[in-house]
Amino acid sequence: MSTTESKDPGALALARVAHETTQAYRNAIGDFSTHQAWELLTPQQQDAAYARAFFFLNNPDAKFTAVHNALELADDKERAAAAVFHGVIRAICREQARA
């Protein structure tokens, strides 16, 4: 699924915004080691972010653990970053539902 032609443009934009917000969160807590800018991600990494965004757009009531098993994440920073990604998507979904 690495071509943008076959992807939902809204979910792709949402994945990028959520990723960049997560990157800003990590920078704010002093973690510069793991999170790259969207443009520097491999196609597989972009696809993974897109898949999470697409899932949550189509399952707005799902908890972030539906995609991110908290026990599998490396540490508290990973769990927090996953929650930030999910929070961005949930907030946008709520706003779209109001419109």
Protein backbone atom coordinates (compact mmCIF):
# COMPACT_ATOMS: atom_id res chain seq x y z
CA MET A 1 0.00 0.00 0.00
CA SER A 2 2.95 2.33 -0.43
CA THR A 3 1.45 4.36 -3.27
CA THR A 4 -0.51 7.45 -2.38
CA GLU A 5 -2.94 6.88 -5.27
CA SER A 6 -4.69 4.04 -3.45
CA LYS A 7 -4.92 5.81 -0.10
CA ASP A 8 -7.75 7.87 1.33
CA PRO A 9 -6.43 11.46 1.14
CA GLY A 10 -8.10 12.45 4.41
CA ALA A 11 -6.59 9.54 6.29
CA LEU A 12 -3.19 10.21 4.72
CA ALA A 13 -3.30 13.88 5.78
CA LEU A 14 -4.46 12.86 9.24
CA ALA A 15 -1.62 10.35 9.54
CA ARG A 16 0.89 13.04 8.69
CA VAL A 17 -0.58 15.56 11.15
CA ALA A 18 -0.73 12.97 13.93
CA HIS A 19 2.84 11.86 13.19
CA GLU A 20 4.13 15.44 13.20
CA THR A 21 2.27 16.17 16.44
CA THR A 22 3.83 13.09 18.00
CA GLN A 23 7.24 14.27 16.78
CA ALA A 24 6.64 17.68 18.41
CA TYR A 25 5.62 15.96 21.65
CA ARG A 26 8.78 13.85 21.65
CA ASN A 27 10.93 16.91 20.99
CA ALA A 28 9.19 18.74 23.83
CA ILE A 29 10.14 15.99 26.28
CA GLY A 30 13.70 15.93 24.99
CA ASP A 31 13.48 12.71 22.97
CA PHE A 32 15.21 13.41 19.66
CA SER A 33 16.45 9.88 19.10
CA THR A 34 13.69 7.99 17.37
CA HIS A 35 11.06 10.12 15.69
CA GLN A 36 11.87 11.43 12.21
CA ALA A 37 10.12 14.00 10.06
CA TRP A 38 7.37 12.56 7.83
CA GLU A 39 9.45 13.08 4.69
CA LEU A 40 12.29 10.98 6.15
CA LEU A 41 10.13 7.98 7.01
CA THR A 42 10.39 4.86 4.94
CA PRO A 43 7.32 3.95 2.88
CA GLN A 44 6.66 1.15 5.38
CA GLN A 45 6.66 3.60 8.29
CA GLN A 46 4.33 5.97 6.46
CA ASP A 47 2.07 3.03 5.62
CA ALA A 48 1.94 2.02 9.29
CA ALA A 49 0.95 5.55 10.34
CA TYR A 50 -1.63 5.65 7.55
CA ALA A 51 -3.08 2.29 8.61
CA ARG A 52 -3.53 3.54 12.20
CA ALA A 53 -5.14 6.77 11.04
CA PHE A 54 -7.44 4.93 8.61
CA PHE A 55 -8.44 2.45 11.31
CA PHE A 56 -9.34 5.17 13.81
CA LEU A 57 -11.23 7.21 11.21
CA ASN A 58 -13.37 4.17 10.51
CA ASN A 59 -13.59 3.12 14.19
CA PRO A 60 -13.84 6.42 16.08
CA ASP A 61 -14.81 4.77 19.37
CA ALA A 62 -11.81 2.43 19.40
CA LYS A 63 -9.23 2.87 22.14
CA PHE A 64 -5.58 3.38 21.19
CA THR A 65 -4.81 -0.07 22.58
CA ALA A 66 -6.84 -1.51 19.69
CA VAL A 67 -3.80 -0.81 17.51
CA HIS A 68 -1.07 -0.31 20.08
CA ASN A 69 -0.88 -3.07 22.65
CA ALA A 70 0.49 -1.05 25.56
CA LEU A 71 2.38 -4.08 26.85
CA GLU A 72 4.32 -4.35 23.59
CA LEU A 73 5.48 -0.74 23.58
CA ALA A 74 9.02 -0.27 24.79
CA ASP A 75 8.52 2.23 27.59
CA ASP A 76 6.41 5.06 28.97
CA LYS A 77 7.60 7.41 26.21
CA GLU A 78 6.35 4.97 23.57
CA ARG A 79 2.98 4.62 25.29
CA ALA A 80 2.68 8.39 25.64
CA ALA A 81 3.56 8.95 21.99
CA ALA A 82 0.97 6.37 20.91
CA ALA A 83 -1.62 8.14 23.06
CA VAL A 84 -0.71 11.50 21.48
CA PHE A 85 -1.10 10.05 17.97
CA HIS A 86 -4.46 8.59 18.91
CA GLY A 87 -5.56 11.78 20.68
CA VAL A 88 -4.97 13.89 17.58
CA ILE A 89 -7.04 11.52 15.48
CA ARG A 90 -9.86 11.34 18.04
CA ALA A 91 -10.03 15.14 18.31
CA ILE A 92 -10.29 15.54 14.55
CA CYS A 93 -12.91 12.79 14.30
CA ARG A 94 -15.01 14.50 16.98
CA GLU A 95 -14.83 17.81 15.11
CA GLN A 96 -15.84 16.15 11.85
CA ALA A 97 -18.80 14.48 13.56
CA ARG A 98 -20.03 17.88 14.74
CA ALA A 99 -19.96 19.39 11.25
